[in-house]
Amino acid sequence: MDIPRIEPTVAHQHASEGDALIVCAYDDEKKCDDLGVSGAISLHEFEDRAEDLDRRREIIFYCN
């Protein structure tokens, strides 16, 4: 499976417009906090909220 990559500016634009949710792909909460991507949620929060998320919204996972 080929996963498309997008530029950070595009991810930010999609999230700012409400079309995407940005998720930190690390299991380590501290690492997510240290990266400090504005508006991003942690992987644990994503897993907790997965059933309630809008399925039409793009989900962007990031790691460093």
PDB file of N, CA and C in Angstrom:
ATOM      1  N   MET A   1       0.854  -1.178   0.000  1.00  0.00           N
ATOM      2  CA  MET A   1       0.000   0.000   0.000  1.00  0.00           C
ATOM      3  C   MET A   1       0.891   1.230   0.000  1.00  0.00           C
ATOM      4  N   ASP A   2       0.648   2.103  -0.933  1.00  0.00           N
ATOM      5  CA  ASP A   2       1.428   3.313  -1.061  1.00  0.00           C
ATOM      6  C   ASP A   2       0.694   4.450  -0.344  1.00  0.00           C
ATOM      7  N   ILE A   3       1.324   4.989   0.675  1.00  0.00           N
ATOM      8  CA  ILE A   3       0.710   6.061   1.453  1.00  0.00           C
ATOM      9  C   ILE A   3       1.208   7.401   0.917  1.00  0.00           C
ATOM     10  N   PRO A   4       0.304   8.265   0.477  1.00  0.00           N
ATOM     11  CA  PRO A   4       0.746   9.553  -0.074  1.00  0.00           C
ATOM     12  C   PRO A   4       1.331  10.460   1.014  1.00  0.00           C
ATOM     13  N   ARG A   5       2.342  11.198   0.629  1.00  0.00           N
ATOM     14  CA  ARG A   5       2.949  12.181   1.525  1.00  0.00           C
ATOM     15  C   ARG A   5       2.552  13.567   1.047  1.00  0.00           C
ATOM     16  N   ILE A   6       2.360  14.466   2.008  1.00  0.00           N
ATOM     17  CA  ILE A   6       2.048  15.845   1.641  1.00  0.00           C
ATOM     18  C   ILE A   6       3.009  16.772   2.375  1.00  0.00           C
ATOM     19  N   GLU A   7       3.177  17.938   1.833  1.00  0.00           N
ATOM     20  CA  GLU A   7       4.053  18.945   2.430  1.00  0.00           C
ATOM     21  C   GLU A   7       3.409  19.496   3.704  1.00  0.00           C
ATOM     22  N   PRO A   8       4.229  19.897   4.666  1.00  0.00           N
ATOM     23  CA  PRO A   8       3.694  20.480   5.907  1.00  0.00           C
ATOM     24  C   PRO A   8       2.781  21.681   5.671  1.00  0.00           C
ATOM     25  N   THR A   9       3.094  22.501   4.683  1.00  0.00           N
ATOM     26  CA  THR A   9       2.247  23.672   4.413  1.00  0.00           C
ATOM     27  C   THR A   9       0.854  23.252   3.955  1.00  0.00           C
ATOM     28  N   VAL A  10       0.785  22.176   3.187  1.00  0.00           N
ATOM     29  CA  VAL A  10      -0.508  21.660   2.721  1.00  0.00           C
ATOM     30  C   VAL A  10      -1.277  21.071   3.901  1.00  0.00           C
ATOM     31  N   ALA A  11      -0.592  20.318   4.747  1.00  0.00           N
ATOM     32  CA  ALA A  11      -1.241  19.753   5.938  1.00  0.00           C
ATOM     33  C   ALA A  11      -1.803  20.865   6.812  1.00  0.00           C
ATOM     34  N   HIS A  12      -1.009  21.903   7.026  1.00  0.00           N
ATOM     35  CA  HIS A  12      -1.456  23.036   7.852  1.00  0.00           C
ATOM     36  C   HIS A  12      -2.680  23.708   7.220  1.00  0.00           C
ATOM     37  N   GLN A  13      -2.650  23.893   5.919  1.00  0.00           N
ATOM     38  CA  GLN A  13      -3.779  24.519   5.228  1.00  0.00           C
ATOM     39  C   GLN A  13      -5.047  23.683   5.382  1.00  0.00           C
ATOM     40  N   HIS A  14      -4.936  22.392   5.168  1.00  0.00           N
ATOM     41  CA  HIS A  14      -6.107  21.503   5.291  1.00  0.00           C
ATOM     42  C   HIS A  14      -6.664  21.523   6.720  1.00  0.00           C
ATOM     43  N   ALA A  15      -5.770  21.482   7.706  1.00  0.00           N
ATOM     44  CA  ALA A  15      -6.207  21.509   9.105  1.00  0.00           C
ATOM     45  C   ALA A  15      -6.832  22.859   9.456  1.00  0.00           C
ATOM     46  N   SER A  16      -6.231  23.940   8.982  1.00  0.00           N
ATOM     47  CA  SER A  16      -6.748  25.288   9.270  1.00  0.00           C
ATOM     48  C   SER A  16      -8.145  25.491   8.702  1.00  0.00           C
ATOM     49  N   GLU A  17      -8.405  24.867   7.575  1.00  0.00           N
ATOM     50  CA  GLU A  17      -9.714  24.984   6.926  1.00  0.00           C
ATOM     51  C   GLU A  17     -10.732  24.006   7.506  1.00  0.00           C
ATOM     52  N   GLY A  18     -10.305  23.168   8.455  1.00  0.00           N
ATOM     53  CA  GLY A  18     -11.213  22.212   9.075  1.00  0.00           C
ATOM     54  C   GLY A  18     -11.438  20.960   8.265  1.00  0.00           C
ATOM     55  N   ASP A  19     -10.640  20.780   7.206  1.00  0.00           N
ATOM     56  CA  ASP A  19     -10.809  19.619   6.336  1.00  0.00           C
ATOM     57  C   ASP A  19      -9.984  18.423   6.780  1.00  0.00           C
ATOM     58  N   ALA A  20      -9.071  18.626   7.746  1.00  0.00           N
ATOM     59  CA  ALA A  20      -8.175  17.543   8.150  1.00  0.00           C
ATOM     60  C   ALA A  20      -7.940  17.581   9.650  1.00  0.00           C
ATOM     61  N   LEU A  21      -7.600  16.433  10.170  1.00  0.00           N
ATOM     62  CA  LEU A  21      -7.212  16.268  11.560  1.00  0.00           C
ATOM     63  C   LEU A  21      -5.760  15.810  11.554  1.00  0.00           C
ATOM     64  N   ILE A  22      -4.916  16.486  12.321  1.00  0.00           N
ATOM     65  CA  ILE A  22      -3.505  16.126  12.386  1.00  0.00           C
ATOM     66  C   ILE A  22      -3.266  15.294  13.633  1.00  0.00           C
ATOM     67  N   VAL A  23      -2.630  14.142  13.442  1.00  0.00           N
ATOM     68  CA  VAL A  23      -2.392  13.184  14.528  1.00  0.00           C
ATOM     69  C   VAL A  23      -0.897  12.894  14.635  1.00  0.00           C
ATOM     70  N   CYS A  24      -0.367  13.029  15.840  1.00  0.00           N
ATOM     71  CA  CYS A  24       1.016  12.643  16.100  1.00  0.00           C
ATOM     72  C   CYS A  24       1.088  11.119  16.085  1.00  0.00           C
ATOM     73  N   ALA A  25       1.966  10.564  15.259  1.00  0.00           N
ATOM     74  CA  ALA A  25       2.011   9.114  15.066  1.00  0.00           C
ATOM     75  C   ALA A  25       2.858   8.379  16.096  1.00  0.00           C
ATOM     76  N   TYR A  26       3.371   9.074  17.079  1.00  0.00           N
ATOM     77  CA  TYR A  26       4.196   8.433  18.109  1.00  0.00           C
ATOM     78  C   TYR A  26       3.343   7.941  19.262  1.00  0.00           C
ATOM     79  N   ASP A  27       3.713   6.792  19.797  1.00  0.00           N
ATOM     80  CA  ASP A  27       3.053   6.237  20.974  1.00  0.00           C
ATOM     81  C   ASP A  27       3.420   7.010  22.241  1.00  0.00           C
ATOM     82  N   ASP A  28       4.549   7.661  22.234  1.00  0.00           N
ATOM     83  CA  ASP A  28       5.102   8.374  23.378  1.00  0.00           C
ATOM     84  C   ASP A  28       4.479   9.778  23.494  1.00  0.00           C
ATOM     85  N   GLU A  29       3.649   9.971  24.515  1.00  0.00           N
ATOM     86  CA  GLU A  29       2.968  11.258  24.713  1.00  0.00           C
ATOM     87  C   GLU A  29       3.964  12.412  24.856  1.00  0.00           C
ATOM     88  N   LYS A  30       5.072  12.172  25.545  1.00  0.00           N
ATOM     89  CA  LYS A  30       6.074  13.222  25.750  1.00  0.00           C
ATOM     90  C   LYS A  30       6.661  13.671  24.419  1.00  0.00           C
ATOM     91  N   LYS A  31       6.936  12.723  23.543  1.00  0.00           N
ATOM     92  CA  LYS A  31       7.491  13.059  22.237  1.00  0.00           C
ATOM     93  C   LYS A  31       6.500  13.906  21.441  1.00  0.00           C
ATOM     94  N   CYS A  32       5.232  13.578  21.514  1.00  0.00           N
ATOM     95  CA  CYS A  32       4.204  14.380  20.833  1.00  0.00           C
ATOM     96  C   CYS A  32       4.178  15.798  21.391  1.00  0.00           C
ATOM     97  N   ASP A  33       4.236  15.907  22.699  1.00  0.00           N
ATOM     98  CA  ASP A  33       4.237  17.227  23.330  1.00  0.00           C
ATOM     99  C   ASP A  33       5.470  18.022  22.928  1.00  0.00           C
ATOM    100  N   ASP A  34       6.617  17.349  22.869  1.00  0.00           N
ATOM    101  CA  ASP A  34       7.868  18.027  22.513  1.00  0.00           C
ATOM    102  C   ASP A  34       7.853  18.540  21.082  1.00  0.00           C
ATOM    103  N   LEU A  35       7.191  17.818  20.174  1.00  0.00           N
ATOM    104  CA  LEU A  35       7.125  18.260  18.785  1.00  0.00           C
ATOM    105  C   LEU A  35       6.232  19.488  18.639  1.00  0.00           C
ATOM    106  N   GLY A  36       5.214  19.585  19.462  1.00  0.00           N
ATOM    107  CA  GLY A  36       4.379  20.776  19.547  1.00  0.00           C
ATOM    108  C   GLY A  36       3.752  21.260  18.256  1.00  0.00           C
ATOM    109  N   VAL A  37       3.151  20.376  17.499  1.00  0.00           N
ATOM    110  CA  VAL A  37       2.458  20.784  16.279  1.00  0.00           C
ATOM    111  C   VAL A  37       1.091  21.339  16.671  1.00  0.00           C
ATOM    112  N   SER A  38       0.863  22.582  16.350  1.00  0.00           N
ATOM    113  CA  SER A  38      -0.362  23.282  16.739  1.00  0.00           C
ATOM    114  C   SER A  38      -1.605  22.575  16.201  1.00  0.00           C
ATOM    115  N   GLY A  39      -2.541  22.298  17.086  1.00  0.00           N
ATOM    116  CA  GLY A  39      -3.805  21.693  16.708  1.00  0.00           C
ATOM    117  C   GLY A  39      -3.777  20.178  16.566  1.00  0.00           C
ATOM    118  N   ALA A  40      -2.613  19.573  16.716  1.00  0.00           N
ATOM    119  CA  ALA A  40      -2.502  18.120  16.565  1.00  0.00           C
ATOM    120  C   ALA A  40      -2.989  17.414  17.830  1.00  0.00           C
ATOM    121  N   ILE A  41      -3.466  16.203  17.638  1.00  0.00           N
ATOM    122  CA  ILE A  41      -3.841  15.376  18.780  1.00  0.00           C
ATOM    123  C   ILE A  41      -2.883  14.188  18.864  1.00  0.00           C
ATOM    124  N   SER A  42      -2.800  13.590  20.016  1.00  0.00           N
ATOM    125  CA  SER A  42      -1.909  12.449  20.203  1.00  0.00           C
ATOM    126  C   SER A  42      -2.536  11.190  19.610  1.00  0.00           C
ATOM    127  N   LEU A  43      -1.710  10.191  19.409  1.00  0.00           N
ATOM    128  CA  LEU A  43      -2.189   8.915  18.902  1.00  0.00           C
ATOM    129  C   LEU A  43      -3.193   8.290  19.868  1.00  0.00           C
ATOM    130  N   HIS A  44      -2.938   8.429  21.165  1.00  0.00           N
ATOM    131  CA  HIS A  44      -3.867   7.885  22.165  1.00  0.00           C
ATOM    132  C   HIS A  44      -5.223   8.583  22.092  1.00  0.00           C
ATOM    133  N   GLU A  45      -5.202   9.900  21.932  1.00  0.00           N
ATOM    134  CA  GLU A  45      -6.470  10.630  21.819  1.00  0.00           C
ATOM    135  C   GLU A  45      -7.201  10.220  20.539  1.00  0.00           C
ATOM    136  N   PHE A  46      -6.452  10.053  19.456  1.00  0.00           N
ATOM    137  CA  PHE A  46      -7.056   9.604  18.201  1.00  0.00           C
ATOM    138  C   PHE A  46      -7.741   8.244  18.384  1.00  0.00           C
ATOM    139  N   GLU A  47      -7.043   7.321  19.041  1.00  0.00           N
ATOM    140  CA  GLU A  47      -7.618   5.997  19.272  1.00  0.00           C
ATOM    141  C   GLU A  47      -8.873   6.070  20.131  1.00  0.00           C
ATOM    142  N   ASP A  48      -8.871   6.941  21.132  1.00  0.00           N
ATOM    143  CA  ASP A  48     -10.039   7.095  21.999  1.00  0.00           C
ATOM    144  C   ASP A  48     -11.229   7.694  21.258  1.00  0.00           C
ATOM    145  N   ARG A  49     -10.956   8.579  20.292  1.00  0.00           N
ATOM    146  CA  ARG A  49     -12.026   9.295  19.584  1.00  0.00           C
ATOM    147  C   ARG A  49     -12.374   8.703  18.226  1.00  0.00           C
ATOM    148  N   ALA A  50     -11.667   7.664  17.790  1.00  0.00           N
ATOM    149  CA  ALA A  50     -11.786   7.146  16.424  1.00  0.00           C
ATOM    150  C   ALA A  50     -13.229   6.862  16.003  1.00  0.00           C
ATOM    151  N   GLU A  51     -14.005   6.273  16.867  1.00  0.00           N
ATOM    152  CA  GLU A  51     -15.389   5.923  16.498  1.00  0.00           C
ATOM    153  C   GLU A  51     -16.268   7.142  16.266  1.00  0.00           C
ATOM    154  N   ASP A  52     -15.917   8.270  16.882  1.00  0.00           N
ATOM    155  CA  ASP A  52     -16.753   9.463  16.792  1.00  0.00           C
ATOM    156  C   ASP A  52     -16.284  10.471  15.750  1.00  0.00           C
ATOM    157  N   LEU A  53     -15.178  10.196  15.069  1.00  0.00           N
ATOM    158  CA  LEU A  53     -14.626  11.147  14.106  1.00  0.00           C
ATOM    159  C   LEU A  53     -15.435  11.158  12.814  1.00  0.00           C
ATOM    160  N   ASP A  54     -15.479  12.328  12.193  1.00  0.00           N
ATOM    161  CA  ASP A  54     -16.140  12.501  10.908  1.00  0.00           C
ATOM    162  C   ASP A  54     -15.347  11.731   9.846  1.00  0.00           C
ATOM    163  N   ARG A  55     -15.948  10.747   9.230  1.00  0.00           N
ATOM    164  CA  ARG A  55     -15.270   9.879   8.261  1.00  0.00           C
ATOM    165  C   ARG A  55     -14.936  10.605   6.955  1.00  0.00           C
ATOM    166  N   ARG A  56     -15.512  11.766   6.747  1.00  0.00           N
ATOM    167  CA  ARG A  56     -15.230  12.523   5.524  1.00  0.00           C
ATOM    168  C   ARG A  56     -13.999  13.408   5.683  1.00  0.00           C
ATOM    169  N   ARG A  57     -13.535  13.545   6.896  1.00  0.00           N
ATOM    170  CA  ARG A  57     -12.391  14.417   7.188  1.00  0.00           C
ATOM    171  C   ARG A  57     -11.078  13.679   6.947  1.00  0.00           C
ATOM    172  N   GLU A  58     -10.156  14.349   6.298  1.00  0.00           N
ATOM    173  CA  GLU A  58      -8.830  13.786   6.051  1.00  0.00           C
ATOM    174  C   GLU A  58      -8.080  13.623   7.375  1.00  0.00           C
ATOM    175  N   ILE A  59      -7.346  12.541   7.520  1.00  0.00           N
ATOM    176  CA  ILE A  59      -6.546  12.321   8.726  1.00  0.00           C
ATOM    177  C   ILE A  59      -5.083  12.300   8.289  1.00  0.00           C
ATOM    178  N   ILE A  60      -4.301  13.189   8.876  1.00  0.00           N
ATOM    179  CA  ILE A  60      -2.894  13.317   8.535  1.00  0.00           C
ATOM    180  C   ILE A  60      -2.069  12.902   9.746  1.00  0.00           C
ATOM    181  N   PHE A  61      -1.283  11.853   9.578  1.00  0.00           N
ATOM    182  CA  PHE A  61      -0.371  11.401  10.626  1.00  0.00           C
ATOM    183  C   PHE A  61       0.991  11.998  10.349  1.00  0.00           C
ATOM    184  N   TYR A  62       1.665  12.433  11.404  1.00  0.00           N
ATOM    185  CA  TYR A  62       3.010  12.961  11.207  1.00  0.00           C
ATOM    186  C   TYR A  62       3.966  12.348  12.224  1.00  0.00           C
ATOM    187  N   CYS A  63       5.220  12.306  11.833  1.00  0.00           N
ATOM    188  CA  CYS A  63       6.302  11.896  12.714  1.00  0.00           C
ATOM    189  C   CYS A  63       7.548  12.646  12.262  1.00  0.00           C
ATOM    190  N   ASN A  64       8.535  12.615  13.085  1.00  0.00           N
ATOM    191  CA  ASN A  64       9.736  13.372  12.782  1.00  0.00           C
ATOM    192  C   ASN A  64      10.913  12.450  12.608  1.00  0.00           C
TER     193      ASN A  64
END
